[in-house]
Amino acid sequence: MGFACGIVGLPNVGKSTLFNAITAAQAEAQNYPFCTIEPNIGIVPVADERLDALVKVCKPKKTVPTTLQFVDIAGLVRGASKGEGLGNQFLANIREVDAIAHVVRCFEDPNVVHVEGRIDPVGDVATIDTELGLKDLESVEKRLERARKSMKGVDAKTEKMVFDLCERVVKNLNDGVPLRAQGLSVEDALLIRDLHLLTAKTVFYVANVAEAQLTSAHAGKDPHVEALRAHAKKEGAPMVVICAAVEAEIARLDKSEQPDFLASLGLDEPGLRKVVRTGYDLLGLITFFTAGEDEVRAWTIVRGTKAPQAAGTIHTDFEHGFIKAEIIWWEDLVKLGSEAACRTAAKLAIEGKEYVMRDGDTAHFRFNV
């Protein structure tokens, strides 16, 4: 699948522990296989109770969840924008992902040295934002200069628009405002899309706490977590609280042992599931299902996708030869127990090319090639 979420963070914040927990969790579940493409890339399933409910009804031979790709991005230190550490590799990897999960250290541990010598979640966020902003500033200033020289050429009108936009973007970047928070219009964003700016990436925050902090963190009483939460709220970004070390431990347990362990910690589900779901939602993705005796499968599409394009995610022939879509709301299929029962109860709708898929539709596509 083509949607990738990069995991970033300063050294010793728990980023790699989180990624390793994700890999271990998926390796243990045969129906939800973890796939390692490279040492730092993994494809993980998106936990979905709707899929589980459809499986109970259809009793298929095969179950396939929808997935999200996570990339463990390494190499960030202060000065990465100038090539310090693995800066160039880090920045190149950021350009390739669709969204960023920023792991922020919110735990105290004298045995784990913080690269800046202090625990300051908001300060850590600022460090990474600064490095990304400096790199973007370099890119925008180059484009600004090119536009300045081209304003008397054939594309003078367009170049003047780019020049004015770049001036505004440069000012905001210098003021510490990432591109995603600058309120650019769709038209403005298209003008500088080819710059692939790093601070344009959507971000969510992962507050990594120690096991002893879990209760206070979820109760809103941990000062480090609350500082990060306030920053995320100001930016309009989601935030998830986890203990990466605990997640790694959960991942090593047999599935039957996990509920009791979670209950002992006061958790209703592994934090990793929330991380995956948050990344999925942040990318504006939704899920539709195909369901039958042979297979129940979840499919990933972008919110707003119409029926022919949704059919195309299954096979390109389905889109090219699209005729109609038979749509059943997942809850109706679960309650009534079969497609035939849904048809009898008028819960099956025949939809055409302009139908916009909903999150939770089950679909059967009619096509002719």
Protein backbone atom coordinates (compact mmCIF):
# COMPACT_ATOMS: atom_id res chain seq x y z
CA MET A 1 0.00 0.00 0.00
CA GLY A 2 1.14 3.54 -0.64
CA PHE A 3 0.48 5.41 2.61
CA ALA A 4 3.48 5.85 4.88
CA CYS A 5 3.80 7.34 8.34
CA GLY A 6 7.30 8.25 9.49
CA ILE A 7 8.31 7.84 13.15
CA VAL A 8 10.66 10.67 14.17
CA GLY A 9 12.22 11.91 17.37
CA LEU A 10 15.45 12.95 19.03
CA PRO A 11 17.86 10.23 20.23
CA ASN A 12 16.82 8.31 23.38
CA VAL A 13 13.15 9.28 23.30
CA GLY A 14 11.88 5.72 22.70
CA LYS A 15 11.32 5.98 18.97
CA SER A 16 13.09 2.74 18.06
CA THR A 17 11.54 0.95 21.05
CA LEU A 18 8.12 1.92 19.69
CA PHE A 19 8.96 0.73 16.19
CA ASN A 20 10.39 -2.54 17.53
CA ALA A 21 7.21 -3.05 19.58
CA ILE A 22 5.14 -2.59 16.42
CA THR A 23 7.24 -5.18 14.58
CA ALA A 24 7.08 -7.68 17.44
CA ALA A 25 3.32 -7.26 17.84
CA GLN A 26 2.61 -8.05 14.22
CA ALA A 27 5.08 -10.95 13.97
CA GLU A 28 3.06 -12.84 16.60
CA ALA A 29 -0.30 -12.66 14.83
CA GLN A 30 -0.68 -15.01 11.87
CA ASN A 31 -3.81 -13.28 10.59
CA TYR A 32 -2.18 -9.87 10.86
CA PRO A 33 1.29 -10.48 9.48
CA PHE A 34 4.05 -7.97 9.94
CA CYS A 35 6.00 -7.44 6.77
CA THR A 36 9.52 -6.07 6.85
CA ILE A 37 10.45 -4.51 3.53
CA GLU A 38 13.70 -3.02 4.82
CA PRO A 39 15.14 -2.98 8.36
CA ASN A 40 13.38 0.32 9.07
CA ILE A 41 10.08 -0.15 7.24
CA GLY A 42 7.10 -2.18 8.37
CA ILE A 43 3.51 -2.70 7.25
CA VAL A 44 1.09 -3.05 10.15
CA PRO A 45 -2.64 -3.81 10.30
CA VAL A 46 -5.21 -1.28 11.45
CA ALA A 47 -7.26 -2.90 14.24
CA ASP A 48 -10.93 -2.67 13.31
CA GLU A 49 -13.85 -4.07 15.35
CA ARG A 50 -16.07 -3.86 12.26
CA LEU A 51 -13.83 -6.32 10.43
CA ASP A 52 -13.96 -8.67 13.41
CA ALA A 53 -17.77 -8.48 13.45
CA LEU A 54 -18.01 -9.23 9.72
CA VAL A 55 -15.69 -12.22 10.15
CA LYS A 56 -17.99 -13.68 12.84
CA VAL A 57 -20.94 -13.42 10.46
CA CYS A 58 -19.30 -14.58 7.22
CA LYS A 59 -16.88 -17.15 8.71
CA PRO A 60 -14.49 -16.71 5.76
CA LYS A 61 -11.54 -18.89 4.81
CA LYS A 62 -9.32 -15.81 4.84
CA THR A 63 -9.27 -12.45 6.65
CA VAL A 64 -7.24 -9.48 5.42
CA PRO A 65 -7.12 -6.23 7.43
CA THR A 66 -6.27 -2.85 6.01
CA THR A 67 -2.72 -1.71 6.67
CA LEU A 68 -0.50 1.30 7.21
CA GLN A 69 3.22 1.56 6.49
CA PHE A 70 5.48 2.83 9.27
CA VAL A 71 9.01 4.07 8.61
CA ASP A 72 11.53 4.29 11.46
CA ILE A 73 13.39 7.46 10.49
CA ALA A 74 16.80 7.73 12.13
CA GLY A 75 19.55 10.29 12.21
CA LEU A 76 18.12 13.54 13.62
CA VAL A 77 20.34 15.67 15.84
CA ARG A 78 20.61 19.41 16.27
CA GLY A 79 22.16 20.69 13.04
CA ALA A 80 20.55 18.02 10.83
CA SER A 81 19.43 20.73 8.40
CA LYS A 82 23.12 21.42 7.75
CA GLY A 83 23.98 17.74 7.38
CA GLU A 84 25.01 16.98 10.98
CA GLY A 85 24.73 13.34 12.03
CA LEU A 86 22.68 11.51 9.40
CA GLY A 87 20.90 14.73 8.56
CA ASN A 88 20.70 14.36 4.79
CA GLN A 89 19.44 10.78 5.06
CA PHE A 90 16.92 11.79 7.72
CA LEU A 91 15.56 14.67 5.67
CA ALA A 92 15.34 12.56 2.52
CA ASN A 93 13.33 9.91 4.39
CA ILE A 94 10.94 12.56 5.75
CA ARG A 95 10.17 13.72 2.21
CA GLU A 96 9.00 10.21 1.31
CA VAL A 97 6.33 9.81 4.01
CA ASP A 98 2.78 11.15 4.02
CA ALA A 99 2.57 11.99 7.73
CA ILE A 100 4.79 12.11 10.79
CA ALA A 101 4.43 10.43 14.18
CA HIS A 102 6.66 12.54 16.42
CA VAL A 103 7.73 10.52 19.48
CA VAL A 104 8.46 12.87 22.39
CA ARG A 105 10.16 11.84 25.62
CA CYS A 106 8.00 12.57 28.68
CA PHE A 107 9.75 10.26 31.16
CA GLU A 108 12.56 10.77 33.66
CA ASP A 109 15.30 8.12 33.77
CA PRO A 110 18.85 8.86 34.95
CA ASN A 111 20.04 5.73 33.13
CA VAL A 112 18.85 7.05 29.74
CA VAL A 113 20.70 10.23 28.86
CA HIS A 114 18.74 12.95 27.07
CA VAL A 115 20.68 14.41 24.16
CA GLU A 116 19.92 17.95 25.39
CA GLY A 117 20.57 17.12 29.06
CA ARG A 118 16.99 17.86 30.22
CA ILE A 119 13.41 16.58 29.95
CA ASP A 120 11.47 19.23 28.03
CA PRO A 121 8.85 17.82 25.61
CA VAL A 122 7.95 21.16 24.04
CA GLY A 123 11.64 22.02 23.70
CA ASP A 124 12.25 18.70 21.91
CA VAL A 125 9.42 19.44 19.49
CA ALA A 126 10.92 22.88 18.83
CA THR A 127 14.32 21.34 18.04
CA ILE A 128 12.92 19.10 15.34
CA ASP A 129 10.60 21.82 14.00
CA THR A 130 13.59 24.17 13.79
CA GLU A 131 15.68 21.69 11.81
CA LEU A 132 12.86 20.98 9.37
CA GLY A 133 12.04 24.69 9.12
CA LEU A 134 15.64 25.61 8.35
CA LYS A 135 15.78 23.07 5.55
CA ASP A 136 12.49 24.37 4.14
CA LEU A 137 13.76 27.92 4.40
CA GLU A 138 16.72 26.99 2.25
CA SER A 139 14.42 25.45 -0.39
CA VAL A 140 11.94 28.35 -0.42
CA GLU A 141 14.64 31.00 -0.63
CA LYS A 142 16.11 29.29 -3.70
CA ARG A 143 12.67 29.23 -5.32
CA LEU A 144 12.14 32.87 -4.36
CA GLU A 145 15.33 33.88 -6.14
CA ARG A 146 14.38 31.87 -9.21
CA ALA A 147 10.97 33.54 -9.31
CA ARG A 148 12.60 36.97 -8.98
CA LYS A 149 14.66 36.31 -12.11
CA SER A 150 11.69 34.87 -14.05
CA MET A 151 9.12 37.60 -13.41
CA LYS A 152 9.90 39.23 -16.76
CA GLY A 153 9.72 36.02 -18.73
CA VAL A 154 6.94 34.08 -20.45
CA ASP A 155 5.38 32.94 -17.18
CA ALA A 156 5.66 36.36 -15.55
CA LYS A 157 2.20 36.27 -13.96
CA THR A 158 2.68 32.84 -12.38
CA GLU A 159 6.21 33.65 -11.24
CA LYS A 160 4.98 36.85 -9.59
CA MET A 161 2.43 34.78 -7.66
CA VAL A 162 5.15 32.34 -6.63
CA PHE A 163 7.42 35.21 -5.60
CA ASP A 164 4.75 36.81 -3.39
CA LEU A 165 3.88 33.46 -1.85
CA CYS A 166 7.51 32.57 -1.15
CA GLU A 167 8.09 35.92 0.52
CA ARG A 168 5.19 35.22 2.84
CA VAL A 169 6.31 31.65 3.52
CA VAL A 170 9.89 32.78 4.26
CA LYS A 171 8.66 35.34 6.79
CA ASN A 172 6.50 32.74 8.55
CA LEU A 173 9.29 30.14 8.59
CA ASN A 174 11.63 32.72 10.08
CA ASP A 175 9.00 33.30 12.76
CA GLY A 176 8.97 29.57 13.51
CA VAL A 177 5.64 28.78 11.84
CA PRO A 178 5.68 25.46 9.94
CA LEU A 179 4.05 25.38 6.52
CA ARG A 180 1.17 23.21 7.76
CA ALA A 181 0.18 26.01 10.16
CA GLN A 182 0.41 28.85 7.65
CA GLY A 183 -3.14 28.52 6.29
CA LEU A 184 -2.17 28.18 2.63
CA SER A 185 -5.00 27.88 0.14
CA VAL A 186 -5.19 24.88 -2.18
CA GLU A 187 -4.02 27.12 -5.02
CA ASP A 188 -1.03 28.37 -3.01
CA ALA A 189 -0.07 24.86 -1.99
CA LEU A 190 -0.06 23.76 -5.65
CA LEU A 191 2.30 26.61 -6.58
CA ILE A 192 5.06 25.25 -4.35
CA ARG A 193 4.12 21.58 -4.31
CA ASP A 194 7.24 20.64 -6.27
CA LEU A 195 9.41 21.86 -3.37
CA HIS A 196 8.21 18.94 -1.22
CA LEU A 197 8.54 20.99 1.94
CA LEU A 198 9.12 19.07 5.15
CA THR A 199 7.02 21.24 7.46
CA ALA A 200 4.01 20.71 5.19
CA LYS A 201 3.68 17.14 6.51
CA THR A 202 0.80 16.54 8.90
CA VAL A 203 1.99 15.56 12.37
CA PHE A 204 0.68 13.78 15.44
CA TYR A 205 2.50 13.46 18.73
CA VAL A 206 3.28 10.32 20.72
CA ALA A 207 3.99 11.09 24.38
CA ASN A 208 6.28 8.32 25.59
CA VAL A 209 6.02 7.86 29.37
CA ALA A 210 7.40 5.42 31.93
CA GLU A 211 5.14 2.62 33.24
CA ALA A 212 4.81 4.42 36.59
CA GLN A 213 3.47 7.49 34.78
CA LEU A 214 0.70 5.74 32.85
CA THR A 215 -2.04 6.35 35.42
CA SER A 216 -1.22 10.02 35.98
CA ALA A 217 -0.64 10.60 32.26
CA HIS A 218 -4.07 9.26 31.29
CA ALA A 219 -5.64 11.18 34.19
CA GLY A 220 -4.23 14.46 32.91
CA LYS A 221 -1.97 14.95 35.94
CA ASP A 222 1.49 14.42 34.46
CA PRO A 223 3.19 17.81 33.89
CA HIS A 224 5.37 16.66 30.97
CA VAL A 225 2.42 15.04 29.18
CA GLU A 226 0.17 18.03 29.80
CA ALA A 227 2.80 20.42 28.43
CA LEU A 228 2.96 18.39 25.23
CA ARG A 229 -0.84 18.09 25.11
CA ALA A 230 -1.19 21.87 25.32
CA HIS A 231 1.30 22.30 22.47
CA ALA A 232 -0.51 19.71 20.33
CA LYS A 233 -3.87 21.37 20.99
CA LYS A 234 -2.48 24.77 20.03
CA GLU A 235 -1.23 23.29 16.77
CA GLY A 236 -4.47 21.34 16.20
CA ALA A 237 -2.60 18.04 16.16
CA PRO A 238 -3.68 14.72 17.73
CA MET A 239 -1.69 13.21 20.60
CA VAL A 240 -1.42 9.64 21.88
CA VAL A 241 0.04 8.62 25.27
CA ILE A 242 1.97 5.33 25.40
CA CYS A 243 4.73 3.60 27.31
CA ALA A 244 6.93 2.16 24.56
CA ALA A 245 8.66 -0.21 26.99
CA VAL A 246 5.29 -1.61 28.13
CA GLU A 247 4.13 -1.90 24.50
CA ALA A 248 7.22 -3.97 23.73
CA GLU A 249 6.35 -6.23 26.68
CA ILE A 250 2.72 -6.58 25.56
CA ALA A 251 3.89 -7.49 22.07
CA ARG A 252 5.92 -10.40 23.44
CA LEU A 253 2.96 -11.88 25.34
CA ASP A 254 0.68 -14.55 23.96
CA LYS A 255 -2.53 -12.99 22.70
CA SER A 256 -4.55 -14.80 25.40
CA GLU A 257 -2.40 -13.24 28.13
CA GLN A 258 -2.66 -9.67 26.90
CA PRO A 259 -6.13 -8.73 28.30
CA ASP A 260 -5.17 -9.50 31.91
CA PHE A 261 -1.87 -7.66 31.57
CA LEU A 262 -3.63 -4.62 30.06
CA ALA A 263 -6.21 -4.67 32.84
CA SER A 264 -3.44 -4.69 35.46
CA LEU A 265 -2.17 -1.45 33.93
CA GLY A 266 -5.62 0.12 33.67
CA LEU A 267 -5.55 0.01 29.86
CA ASP A 268 -8.40 -1.08 27.61
CA GLU A 269 -6.19 -1.81 24.60
CA PRO A 270 -2.51 -1.63 23.57
CA GLY A 271 -1.35 1.91 22.91
CA LEU A 272 0.07 0.76 19.59
CA ARG A 273 -3.46 0.38 18.24
CA LYS A 274 -4.14 4.02 19.03
CA VAL A 275 -0.92 5.04 17.31
CA VAL A 276 -1.85 3.13 14.16
CA ARG A 277 -5.45 4.40 14.12
CA THR A 278 -4.34 7.98 14.69
CA GLY A 279 -1.91 7.79 11.78
CA TYR A 280 -4.63 6.29 9.60
CA ASP A 281 -7.14 9.00 10.50
CA LEU A 282 -4.57 11.78 10.12
CA LEU A 283 -3.95 10.75 6.53
CA GLY A 284 -7.66 11.17 5.78
CA LEU A 285 -8.13 7.47 5.09
CA ILE A 286 -11.28 5.42 5.42
CA THR A 287 -12.08 1.72 5.13
CA PHE A 288 -14.59 -0.19 3.04
CA PHE A 289 -15.07 -3.95 3.10
CA THR A 290 -15.65 -6.85 0.78
CA ALA A 291 -17.23 -9.79 2.57
CA GLY A 292 -18.02 -13.36 1.60
CA GLU A 293 -17.38 -17.01 2.43
CA ASP A 294 -13.95 -17.03 0.79
CA GLU A 295 -12.62 -13.78 2.19
CA VAL A 296 -13.44 -10.77 4.33
CA ARG A 297 -11.10 -7.91 3.46
CA ALA A 298 -10.71 -4.30 4.49
CA TRP A 299 -9.61 -1.82 1.81
CA THR A 300 -7.98 1.58 2.29
CA ILE A 301 -9.17 4.61 0.31
CA VAL A 302 -8.95 8.37 0.75
CA ARG A 303 -12.03 10.03 2.20
CA GLY A 304 -14.20 11.33 -0.65
CA THR A 305 -13.34 8.52 -3.08
CA LYS A 306 -16.14 7.60 -5.51
CA ALA A 307 -17.28 4.04 -6.19
CA PRO A 308 -15.36 3.42 -9.48
CA GLN A 309 -12.06 4.51 -7.94
CA ALA A 310 -12.76 2.39 -4.85
CA ALA A 311 -13.34 -0.56 -7.16
CA GLY A 312 -10.00 0.24 -8.78
CA THR A 313 -8.18 -0.40 -5.50
CA ILE A 314 -9.26 -4.04 -5.85
CA HIS A 315 -8.34 -4.30 -9.53
CA THR A 316 -7.90 -1.74 -12.29
CA ASP A 317 -10.34 -3.71 -14.48
CA PHE A 318 -13.07 -3.07 -11.89
CA GLU A 319 -12.67 0.67 -12.35
CA HIS A 320 -12.36 0.64 -16.14
CA GLY A 321 -15.41 -1.57 -16.59
CA PHE A 322 -17.42 -0.24 -13.64
CA ILE A 323 -21.20 -0.62 -13.98
CA LYS A 324 -22.74 -0.44 -10.50
CA ALA A 325 -21.88 -0.99 -6.85
CA GLU A 326 -23.98 -3.04 -4.47
CA ILE A 327 -23.58 -1.32 -1.10
CA ILE A 328 -24.56 -2.64 2.34
CA TRP A 329 -23.81 -0.76 5.55
CA TRP A 330 -21.57 -3.02 7.66
CA GLU A 331 -23.89 -2.93 10.70
CA ASP A 332 -26.85 -4.04 8.60
CA LEU A 333 -24.88 -7.02 7.31
CA VAL A 334 -23.84 -7.95 10.84
CA LYS A 335 -27.38 -7.61 12.25
CA LEU A 336 -29.20 -9.38 9.41
CA GLY A 337 -26.54 -12.03 8.86
CA SER A 338 -26.36 -12.30 5.08
CA GLU A 339 -26.46 -10.38 1.81
CA ALA A 340 -29.72 -12.14 0.90
CA ALA A 341 -31.35 -10.97 4.15
CA CYS A 342 -30.15 -7.42 3.52
CA ARG A 343 -31.59 -7.52 0.01
CA THR A 344 -34.96 -8.72 1.33
CA ALA A 345 -34.99 -6.00 4.00
CA ALA A 346 -34.14 -3.32 1.40
CA LYS A 347 -30.78 -2.69 3.08
CA LEU A 348 -28.82 -3.25 -0.13
CA ALA A 349 -28.47 -0.17 -2.35
CA ILE A 350 -27.47 -0.09 -6.02
CA GLU A 351 -25.18 2.89 -6.56
CA GLY A 352 -23.62 4.44 -9.67
CA LYS A 353 -20.42 6.25 -10.65
CA GLU A 354 -21.09 9.36 -8.54
CA TYR A 355 -21.55 7.50 -5.28
CA VAL A 356 -19.08 8.61 -2.60
CA MET A 357 -17.93 5.71 -0.46
CA ARG A 358 -18.57 5.84 3.29
CA ASP A 359 -16.27 4.62 6.04
CA GLY A 360 -17.84 1.23 6.82
CA ASP A 361 -19.52 0.36 3.52
CA THR A 362 -19.39 -3.25 2.36
CA ALA A 363 -19.34 -3.41 -1.42
CA HIS A 364 -19.77 -5.77 -4.32
CA PHE A 365 -18.80 -4.17 -7.64
CA ARG A 366 -20.42 -5.04 -10.95
CA PHE A 367 -18.12 -4.52 -13.92
CA ASN A 368 -17.68 -5.49 -17.56
CA VAL A 369 -14.35 -5.63 -19.38
